[in-house]
Amino acid sequence: MTSTKQQSSPLPPTKSEALRQGAHDAIPVGLGYFAVAFSLGIICRSSGLTVFQGFLASLLNNTSAGEFAAITLIGTNASYMEIALVTLIANIRYMLMSCALSQRMQMGQSFIHRLIVAFAVTDELFGIAIARRGALNPWYYYGAMAVAIPGWAFGTASGIIAGSALPERIVSALSVALFGMFLAIIIPPARASRMIFTVVLTSFIASFVAANVQPLAQLTGGTRTIILTVLIAAGAAWLSPVSDQRKEG
C-alpha cells in the first residue's frame, strides 16, 4: 500500500511546466499592466521622456506608484537624491513581500534565484505566487515575470507613442487616467478601514497645506512628499500598530 500511495502522489512540475503555469496565470496581470502603463506613458511623454527611455524605465522599475513618482519628479527637474528617496519610500513595502516570498521558496534555492525573483516583486505577482499551495518554484515566478514585465514596458512605450501622435486635449485627458487608478486603489480599503480613511484624508489635507504654507511651500515637491510620507506613515503606525489590528481581527 505504501508503494501505491507513492505512485499516486503527484510529481512536482518540471522547470518548463512551472514556467508555462506561471506565464498562463500572469496573462491577466500582463494585460492589466499594459492598460495602466499606457497612462503612465502619457505622463512620461509630458515629462519629456523618449520612447526608449520610458520603455527602459518600465523594464527596470516594475512598480506603478514608484515609477509615477519618479517620472513626475523628473518632469520638475528634481535632484537625484529626491528621486531616489521618493522611489525608496514608495517601494519599501516590496522588501516585506520579498521576505515573504523568500520564506515560501523551495529549500536549497541559490542566491541567484532569490535575487532574480526579488527583481520583479509587485503586488499582483506577489498575489498569484503567494496564493499557490506548497513551496514556490522560482521557475513559476519566472514565467509570470516573462508575461507581466513586457506588458508593463510595452504599455509605457505605447503610451508615449500615442501621446506624441494624439491631439493635446486628448493627451491631457488621458493623463488623468493614472490618477483614477490610484483612486481605485485607495478608495476600497479606505471605505473598509477608518484608519486608512484617516490617513488618506490627512495626506490630502497635509499636501495642500504644505504646498501653500511657508516655509514648506519653499521646498521642492519631492522634498515635501518625503517629509509628509515619513511623518504620516510614522503617525499611523504609532496610533494603529499591526499587533492591535490583528487583535481586532
C-alpha atoms as a PDB file:
ATOM      1  CA  MET A   1       0.000   0.000   0.000  1.00  0.00           C
ATOM      2  CA  THR A   2       2.892   2.317   0.683  1.00  0.00           C
ATOM      3  CA  SER A   3       4.211   1.861  -2.847  1.00  0.00           C
ATOM      4  CA  THR A   4       0.729   2.521  -4.264  1.00  0.00           C
ATOM      5  CA  LYS A   5       0.467   5.819  -2.366  1.00  0.00           C
ATOM      6  CA  GLN A   6       3.868   6.856  -3.513  1.00  0.00           C
ATOM      7  CA  GLN A   7       2.979   6.136  -7.136  1.00  0.00           C
ATOM      8  CA  SER A   8      -0.305   8.037  -6.921  1.00  0.00           C
ATOM      9  CA  SER A   9       1.220  11.150  -5.364  1.00  0.00           C
ATOM     10  CA  PRO A  10       1.693  13.890  -7.984  1.00  0.00           C
ATOM     11  CA  LEU A  11       5.220  14.664  -9.062  1.00  0.00           C
ATOM     12  CA  PRO A  12       6.496  18.235  -8.726  1.00  0.00           C
ATOM     13  CA  PRO A  13       6.323  20.143 -12.021  1.00  0.00           C
ATOM     14  CA  THR A  14       9.431  20.359 -14.163  1.00  0.00           C
ATOM     15  CA  LYS A  15      11.073  23.685 -14.931  1.00  0.00           C
ATOM     16  CA  SER A  16       9.284  24.006 -18.264  1.00  0.00           C
ATOM     17  CA  GLU A  17       5.916  23.057 -16.737  1.00  0.00           C
ATOM     18  CA  ALA A  18       6.319  25.566 -13.916  1.00  0.00           C
ATOM     19  CA  LEU A  19       7.364  28.207 -16.449  1.00  0.00           C
ATOM     20  CA  ARG A  20       4.232  27.620 -18.533  1.00  0.00           C
ATOM     21  CA  GLN A  21       1.995  27.665 -15.448  1.00  0.00           C
ATOM     22  CA  GLY A  22       3.443  30.995 -14.331  1.00  0.00           C
ATOM     23  CA  ALA A  23       3.054  32.515 -17.789  1.00  0.00           C
ATOM     24  CA  HIS A  24      -0.538  31.274 -18.017  1.00  0.00           C
ATOM     25  CA  ASP A  25      -1.509  32.676 -14.606  1.00  0.00           C
ATOM     26  CA  ALA A  26       0.104  36.045 -15.362  1.00  0.00           C
ATOM     27  CA  ILE A  27      -1.773  36.728 -18.621  1.00  0.00           C
ATOM     28  CA  PRO A  28      -4.485  38.828 -16.877  1.00  0.00           C
ATOM     29  CA  VAL A  29      -1.739  40.630 -14.942  1.00  0.00           C
ATOM     30  CA  GLY A  30       0.156  41.455 -18.138  1.00  0.00           C
ATOM     31  CA  LEU A  31      -2.984  42.781 -19.825  1.00  0.00           C
ATOM     32  CA  GLY A  32      -3.795  44.929 -16.814  1.00  0.00           C
ATOM     33  CA  TYR A  33      -0.239  46.212 -16.689  1.00  0.00           C
ATOM     34  CA  PHE A  34      -0.391  47.209 -20.359  1.00  0.00           C
ATOM     35  CA  ALA A  35      -3.539  49.272 -19.795  1.00  0.00           C
ATOM     36  CA  VAL A  36      -2.201  51.038 -16.702  1.00  0.00           C
ATOM     37  CA  ALA A  37       1.257  51.574 -18.199  1.00  0.00           C
ATOM     38  CA  PHE A  38      -0.344  53.201 -21.247  1.00  0.00           C
ATOM     39  CA  SER A  39      -1.495  56.016 -18.987  1.00  0.00           C
ATOM     40  CA  LEU A  40       1.947  56.096 -17.398  1.00  0.00           C
ATOM     41  CA  GLY A  41       3.397  56.560 -20.877  1.00  0.00           C
ATOM     42  CA  ILE A  42       1.312  59.707 -21.250  1.00  0.00           C
ATOM     43  CA  ILE A  43       2.944  61.039 -18.070  1.00  0.00           C
ATOM     44  CA  CYS A  44       6.378  60.047 -19.412  1.00  0.00           C
ATOM     45  CA  ARG A  45       5.729  61.966 -22.602  1.00  0.00           C
ATOM     46  CA  SER A  46       4.643  65.032 -20.625  1.00  0.00           C
ATOM     47  CA  SER A  47       7.850  64.800 -18.557  1.00  0.00           C
ATOM     48  CA  GLY A  48       9.997  64.771 -21.694  1.00  0.00           C
ATOM     49  CA  LEU A  49      10.996  61.086 -21.815  1.00  0.00           C
ATOM     50  CA  THR A  50      11.577  59.416 -25.166  1.00  0.00           C
ATOM     51  CA  VAL A  51      10.003  56.108 -26.146  1.00  0.00           C
ATOM     52  CA  PHE A  52      13.226  54.217 -25.391  1.00  0.00           C
ATOM     53  CA  GLN A  53      13.714  55.985 -22.054  1.00  0.00           C
ATOM     54  CA  GLY A  54      10.163  55.217 -20.945  1.00  0.00           C
ATOM     55  CA  PHE A  55      10.431  51.610 -22.123  1.00  0.00           C
ATOM     56  CA  LEU A  56      13.724  51.105 -20.277  1.00  0.00           C
ATOM     57  CA  ALA A  57      12.410  52.785 -17.116  1.00  0.00           C
ATOM     58  CA  SER A  58       9.401  50.447 -17.000  1.00  0.00           C
ATOM     59  CA  LEU A  59      11.530  47.435 -17.878  1.00  0.00           C
ATOM     60  CA  LEU A  60      13.780  48.065 -14.875  1.00  0.00           C
ATOM     61  CA  ASN A  61      11.238  49.531 -12.449  1.00  0.00           C
ATOM     62  CA  ASN A  62       8.136  47.355 -12.230  1.00  0.00           C
ATOM     63  CA  THR A  63       6.006  49.494  -9.951  1.00  0.00           C
ATOM     64  CA  SER A  64       3.265  51.982 -10.773  1.00  0.00           C
ATOM     65  CA  ALA A  65       3.461  54.200  -7.689  1.00  0.00           C
ATOM     66  CA  GLY A  66       7.257  54.371  -7.526  1.00  0.00           C
ATOM     67  CA  GLU A  67       7.726  54.941 -11.243  1.00  0.00           C
ATOM     68  CA  PHE A  68       4.948  57.514 -11.425  1.00  0.00           C
ATOM     69  CA  ALA A  69       6.504  59.444  -8.539  1.00  0.00           C
ATOM     70  CA  ALA A  70       9.968  59.280 -10.101  1.00  0.00           C
ATOM     71  CA  ILE A  71       8.809  60.353 -13.565  1.00  0.00           C
ATOM     72  CA  THR A  72       6.761  63.203 -12.130  1.00  0.00           C
ATOM     73  CA  LEU A  73       9.837  64.438 -10.262  1.00  0.00           C
ATOM     74  CA  ILE A  74      11.933  64.102 -13.416  1.00  0.00           C
ATOM     75  CA  GLY A  75       9.451  66.407 -15.131  1.00  0.00           C
ATOM     76  CA  THR A  76      10.014  69.025 -12.404  1.00  0.00           C
ATOM     77  CA  ASN A  77      13.830  68.758 -12.668  1.00  0.00           C
ATOM     78  CA  ALA A  78      14.136  67.328  -9.153  1.00  0.00           C
ATOM     79  CA  SER A  79      17.515  66.270  -7.823  1.00  0.00           C
ATOM     80  CA  TYR A  80      18.774  62.686  -7.995  1.00  0.00           C
ATOM     81  CA  MET A  81      18.573  62.429  -4.205  1.00  0.00           C
ATOM     82  CA  GLU A  82      14.917  63.440  -4.136  1.00  0.00           C
ATOM     83  CA  ILE A  83      14.039  60.960  -6.868  1.00  0.00           C
ATOM     84  CA  ALA A  84      15.922  58.167  -5.088  1.00  0.00           C
ATOM     85  CA  LEU A  85      14.319  58.842  -1.703  1.00  0.00           C
ATOM     86  CA  VAL A  86      10.777  59.152  -3.046  1.00  0.00           C
ATOM     87  CA  THR A  87      11.177  55.943  -5.052  1.00  0.00           C
ATOM     88  CA  LEU A  88      12.575  54.160  -1.988  1.00  0.00           C
ATOM     89  CA  ILE A  89       9.674  55.257   0.196  1.00  0.00           C
ATOM     90  CA  ALA A  90       7.070  54.337  -2.437  1.00  0.00           C
ATOM     91  CA  ASN A  91       8.599  50.887  -2.995  1.00  0.00           C
ATOM     92  CA  ILE A  92       9.742  49.976   0.507  1.00  0.00           C
ATOM     93  CA  ARG A  93       6.781  47.645   1.030  1.00  0.00           C
ATOM     94  CA  TYR A  94       8.293  45.294  -1.549  1.00  0.00           C
ATOM     95  CA  MET A  95      11.062  44.480   0.911  1.00  0.00           C
ATOM     96  CA  LEU A  96       8.477  42.799   3.143  1.00  0.00           C
ATOM     97  CA  MET A  97       6.946  40.990   0.170  1.00  0.00           C
ATOM     98  CA  SER A  98      10.401  39.759  -0.855  1.00  0.00           C
ATOM     99  CA  CYS A  99      10.978  38.351   2.626  1.00  0.00           C
ATOM    100  CA  ALA A 100       7.629  36.545   2.482  1.00  0.00           C
ATOM    101  CA  LEU A 101       8.394  35.060  -0.942  1.00  0.00           C
ATOM    102  CA  SER A 102      11.848  34.013   0.218  1.00  0.00           C
ATOM    103  CA  GLN A 103      10.263  32.012   3.041  1.00  0.00           C
ATOM    104  CA  ARG A 104       7.910  30.292   0.580  1.00  0.00           C
ATOM    105  CA  MET A 105      10.562  29.268  -1.960  1.00  0.00           C
ATOM    106  CA  GLN A 106      11.701  25.671  -2.278  1.00  0.00           C
ATOM    107  CA  MET A 107      14.510  24.620   0.020  1.00  0.00           C
ATOM    108  CA  GLY A 108      18.016  24.782  -1.353  1.00  0.00           C
ATOM    109  CA  GLN A 109      17.378  27.532  -3.904  1.00  0.00           C
ATOM    110  CA  SER A 110      20.501  29.535  -4.700  1.00  0.00           C
ATOM    111  CA  PHE A 111      21.002  33.222  -4.029  1.00  0.00           C
ATOM    112  CA  ILE A 112      20.749  33.913  -7.768  1.00  0.00           C
ATOM    113  CA  HIS A 113      17.201  32.524  -7.921  1.00  0.00           C
ATOM    114  CA  ARG A 114      16.173  34.632  -4.936  1.00  0.00           C
ATOM    115  CA  LEU A 115      17.801  37.712  -6.457  1.00  0.00           C
ATOM    116  CA  ILE A 116      16.011  37.313  -9.795  1.00  0.00           C
ATOM    117  CA  VAL A 117      12.641  36.785  -8.105  1.00  0.00           C
ATOM    118  CA  ALA A 118      13.212  39.872  -5.945  1.00  0.00           C
ATOM    119  CA  PHE A 119      13.772  41.961  -9.081  1.00  0.00           C
ATOM    120  CA  ALA A 120      10.087  41.809 -10.029  1.00  0.00           C
ATOM    121  CA  VAL A 121       8.151  41.659  -6.766  1.00  0.00           C
ATOM    122  CA  THR A 122       4.929  43.514  -7.499  1.00  0.00           C
ATOM    123  CA  ASP A 123       1.564  43.452  -5.747  1.00  0.00           C
ATOM    124  CA  GLU A 124      -0.049  41.322  -8.454  1.00  0.00           C
ATOM    125  CA  LEU A 125       2.818  38.863  -8.994  1.00  0.00           C
ATOM    126  CA  PHE A 126       3.176  38.500  -5.246  1.00  0.00           C
ATOM    127  CA  GLY A 127      -0.537  37.760  -5.028  1.00  0.00           C
ATOM    128  CA  ILE A 128      -0.587  34.929  -7.577  1.00  0.00           C
ATOM    129  CA  ALA A 129       2.665  33.468  -6.198  1.00  0.00           C
ATOM    130  CA  ILE A 130       1.715  33.530  -2.524  1.00  0.00           C
ATOM    131  CA  ALA A 131      -1.720  32.056  -3.294  1.00  0.00           C
ATOM    132  CA  ARG A 132      -0.189  28.848  -4.666  1.00  0.00           C
ATOM    133  CA  ARG A 133      -0.101  25.865  -2.347  1.00  0.00           C
ATOM    134  CA  GLY A 134       3.178  24.419  -1.237  1.00  0.00           C
ATOM    135  CA  ALA A 135       6.678  25.696  -1.872  1.00  0.00           C
ATOM    136  CA  LEU A 136       7.186  28.298  -4.579  1.00  0.00           C
ATOM    137  CA  ASN A 137       9.084  27.099  -7.625  1.00  0.00           C
ATOM    138  CA  PRO A 138      11.201  30.021  -8.903  1.00  0.00           C
ATOM    139  CA  TRP A 139      10.548  28.922 -12.487  1.00  0.00           C
ATOM    140  CA  TYR A 140       6.847  29.551 -11.925  1.00  0.00           C
ATOM    141  CA  TYR A 141       7.699  33.110 -10.970  1.00  0.00           C
ATOM    142  CA  TYR A 142       9.990  33.473 -13.992  1.00  0.00           C
ATOM    143  CA  GLY A 143       7.076  32.531 -16.238  1.00  0.00           C
ATOM    144  CA  ALA A 144       4.892  35.165 -14.595  1.00  0.00           C
ATOM    145  CA  MET A 145       7.656  37.746 -14.964  1.00  0.00           C
ATOM    146  CA  ALA A 146       8.069  36.890 -18.657  1.00  0.00           C
ATOM    147  CA  VAL A 147       4.458  37.959 -19.292  1.00  0.00           C
ATOM    148  CA  ALA A 148       3.970  40.777 -16.784  1.00  0.00           C
ATOM    149  CA  ILE A 149       7.181  42.773 -17.313  1.00  0.00           C
ATOM    150  CA  PRO A 150       6.833  43.129 -21.129  1.00  0.00           C
ATOM    151  CA  GLY A 151       3.204  44.156 -20.636  1.00  0.00           C
ATOM    152  CA  TRP A 152       4.317  46.977 -18.356  1.00  0.00           C
ATOM    153  CA  ALA A 153       7.244  48.081 -20.534  1.00  0.00           C
ATOM    154  CA  PHE A 154       5.450  47.943 -23.896  1.00  0.00           C
ATOM    155  CA  GLY A 155       2.405  49.625 -22.381  1.00  0.00           C
ATOM    156  CA  THR A 156       4.562  52.566 -21.317  1.00  0.00           C
ATOM    157  CA  ALA A 157       6.192  52.796 -24.742  1.00  0.00           C
ATOM    158  CA  SER A 158       2.788  52.651 -26.451  1.00  0.00           C
ATOM    159  CA  GLY A 159       1.509  55.452 -24.236  1.00  0.00           C
ATOM    160  CA  ILE A 160       4.448  57.677 -25.180  1.00  0.00           C
ATOM    161  CA  ILE A 161       3.934  56.961 -28.887  1.00  0.00           C
ATOM    162  CA  ALA A 162       0.213  57.678 -28.635  1.00  0.00           C
ATOM    163  CA  GLY A 163       0.904  60.827 -26.626  1.00  0.00           C
ATOM    164  CA  SER A 164       3.132  62.110 -29.409  1.00  0.00           C
ATOM    165  CA  ALA A 165       0.525  61.408 -32.090  1.00  0.00           C
ATOM    166  CA  LEU A 166      -2.720  62.395 -30.383  1.00  0.00           C
ATOM    167  CA  PRO A 167      -4.010  65.970 -30.011  1.00  0.00           C
ATOM    168  CA  GLU A 168      -3.011  67.811 -26.847  1.00  0.00           C
ATOM    169  CA  ARG A 169      -6.552  67.834 -25.439  1.00  0.00           C
ATOM    170  CA  ILE A 170      -6.815  64.043 -25.654  1.00  0.00           C
ATOM    171  CA  VAL A 171      -3.354  63.629 -24.146  1.00  0.00           C
ATOM    172  CA  SER A 172      -4.349  65.869 -21.252  1.00  0.00           C
ATOM    173  CA  ALA A 173      -7.495  63.800 -20.683  1.00  0.00           C
ATOM    174  CA  LEU A 174      -5.606  60.502 -20.819  1.00  0.00           C
ATOM    175  CA  SER A 175      -3.052  61.735 -18.298  1.00  0.00           C
ATOM    176  CA  VAL A 176      -5.831  61.766 -15.701  1.00  0.00           C
ATOM    177  CA  ALA A 177      -6.364  58.005 -16.113  1.00  0.00           C
ATOM    178  CA  LEU A 178      -3.417  57.104 -13.890  1.00  0.00           C
ATOM    179  CA  PHE A 179      -4.809  59.262 -11.093  1.00  0.00           C
ATOM    180  CA  GLY A 180      -8.057  57.350 -11.490  1.00  0.00           C
ATOM    181  CA  MET A 181      -6.134  54.112 -10.987  1.00  0.00           C
ATOM    182  CA  PHE A 182      -4.694  55.391  -7.723  1.00  0.00           C
ATOM    183  CA  LEU A 183      -8.164  56.419  -6.569  1.00  0.00           C
ATOM    184  CA  ALA A 184      -9.401  52.918  -7.403  1.00  0.00           C
ATOM    185  CA  ILE A 185      -6.604  51.525  -5.241  1.00  0.00           C
ATOM    186  CA  ILE A 186      -7.141  53.681  -2.155  1.00  0.00           C
ATOM    187  CA  ILE A 187     -10.945  54.069  -2.056  1.00  0.00           C
ATOM    188  CA  PRO A 188     -11.955  50.409  -1.310  1.00  0.00           C
ATOM    189  CA  PRO A 189      -9.553  49.964   1.655  1.00  0.00           C
ATOM    190  CA  ALA A 190     -10.385  53.468   2.880  1.00  0.00           C
ATOM    191  CA  ARG A 191     -14.072  52.530   2.980  1.00  0.00           C
ATOM    192  CA  ALA A 192     -13.270  49.339   4.876  1.00  0.00           C
ATOM    193  CA  SER A 193     -10.870  50.832   7.436  1.00  0.00           C
ATOM    194  CA  ARG A 194     -11.358  54.016   9.413  1.00  0.00           C
ATOM    195  CA  MET A 195      -7.607  54.288   9.999  1.00  0.00           C
ATOM    196  CA  ILE A 196      -6.803  54.082   6.265  1.00  0.00           C
ATOM    197  CA  PHE A 197      -9.513  56.650   5.552  1.00  0.00           C
ATOM    198  CA  THR A 198      -7.984  58.959   8.155  1.00  0.00           C
ATOM    199  CA  VAL A 199      -4.502  58.507   6.663  1.00  0.00           C
ATOM    200  CA  VAL A 200      -5.749  59.236   3.124  1.00  0.00           C
ATOM    201  CA  LEU A 201      -7.698  62.306   4.208  1.00  0.00           C
ATOM    202  CA  THR A 202      -4.769  63.557   6.290  1.00  0.00           C
ATOM    203  CA  SER A 203      -2.450  63.092   3.326  1.00  0.00           C
ATOM    204  CA  PHE A 204      -4.684  65.171   1.055  1.00  0.00           C
ATOM    205  CA  ILE A 205      -5.017  67.989   3.585  1.00  0.00           C
ATOM    206  CA  ALA A 206      -1.338  67.954   4.559  1.00  0.00           C
ATOM    207  CA  SER A 207      -0.230  68.019   0.900  1.00  0.00           C
ATOM    208  CA  PHE A 208      -2.428  71.035   0.208  1.00  0.00           C
ATOM    209  CA  VAL A 209      -1.228  72.879   3.314  1.00  0.00           C
ATOM    210  CA  ALA A 210       2.430  72.075   2.634  1.00  0.00           C
ATOM    211  CA  ALA A 211       2.161  73.384  -0.928  1.00  0.00           C
ATOM    212  CA  ASN A 212       0.656  76.716   0.174  1.00  0.00           C
ATOM    213  CA  VAL A 213       2.060  77.483   3.638  1.00  0.00           C
ATOM    214  CA  GLN A 214       5.576  78.731   4.340  1.00  0.00           C
ATOM    215  CA  PRO A 215       8.238  77.525   4.890  1.00  0.00           C
ATOM    216  CA  LEU A 216       7.175  74.145   3.443  1.00  0.00           C
ATOM    217  CA  ALA A 217       5.958  75.794   0.244  1.00  0.00           C
ATOM    218  CA  GLN A 218       9.542  76.866  -0.475  1.00  0.00           C
ATOM    219  CA  LEU A 219      10.676  73.234  -0.595  1.00  0.00           C
ATOM    220  CA  THR A 220      10.555  71.205  -3.781  1.00  0.00           C
ATOM    221  CA  GLY A 221       7.644  68.844  -4.380  1.00  0.00           C
ATOM    222  CA  GLY A 222       9.862  65.810  -3.890  1.00  0.00           C
ATOM    223  CA  THR A 223      11.140  67.019  -0.522  1.00  0.00           C
ATOM    224  CA  ARG A 224       7.612  67.767   0.683  1.00  0.00           C
ATOM    225  CA  THR A 225       6.487  64.304  -0.387  1.00  0.00           C
ATOM    226  CA  ILE A 226       9.332  62.658   1.530  1.00  0.00           C
ATOM    227  CA  ILE A 227       8.653  64.632   4.708  1.00  0.00           C
ATOM    228  CA  LEU A 228       4.889  64.103   4.658  1.00  0.00           C
ATOM    229  CA  THR A 229       5.155  60.402   3.802  1.00  0.00           C
ATOM    230  CA  VAL A 230       7.527  59.675   6.667  1.00  0.00           C
ATOM    231  CA  LEU A 231       5.573  61.744   9.218  1.00  0.00           C
ATOM    232  CA  ILE A 232       2.100  60.481   8.278  1.00  0.00           C
ATOM    233  CA  ALA A 233       3.206  56.839   7.971  1.00  0.00           C
ATOM    234  CA  ALA A 234       5.016  57.010  11.320  1.00  0.00           C
ATOM    235  CA  GLY A 235       1.987  58.597  12.974  1.00  0.00           C
ATOM    236  CA  ALA A 236      -0.356  55.943  11.579  1.00  0.00           C
ATOM    237  CA  ALA A 237       1.969  53.133  12.692  1.00  0.00           C
ATOM    238  CA  TRP A 238       2.154  54.623  16.199  1.00  0.00           C
ATOM    239  CA  LEU A 239      -1.616  55.123  16.519  1.00  0.00           C
ATOM    240  CA  SER A 240      -2.592  51.777  14.976  1.00  0.00           C
ATOM    241  CA  PRO A 241       0.220  49.203  15.100  1.00  0.00           C
ATOM    242  CA  VAL A 242      -0.157  45.890  13.294  1.00  0.00           C
ATOM    243  CA  SER A 243      -0.478  43.928  16.544  1.00  0.00           C
ATOM    244  CA  ASP A 244      -3.541  45.948  17.562  1.00  0.00           C
ATOM    245  CA  GLN A 245      -5.168  45.408  14.167  1.00  0.00           C
ATOM    246  CA  ARG A 246      -4.616  41.649  14.412  1.00  0.00           C
ATOM    247  CA  LYS A 247      -6.256  41.571  17.849  1.00  0.00           C
ATOM    248  CA  GLU A 248      -9.272  43.400  16.474  1.00  0.00           C
ATOM    249  CA  GLY A 249      -9.487  40.927  13.565  1.00  0.00           C
END
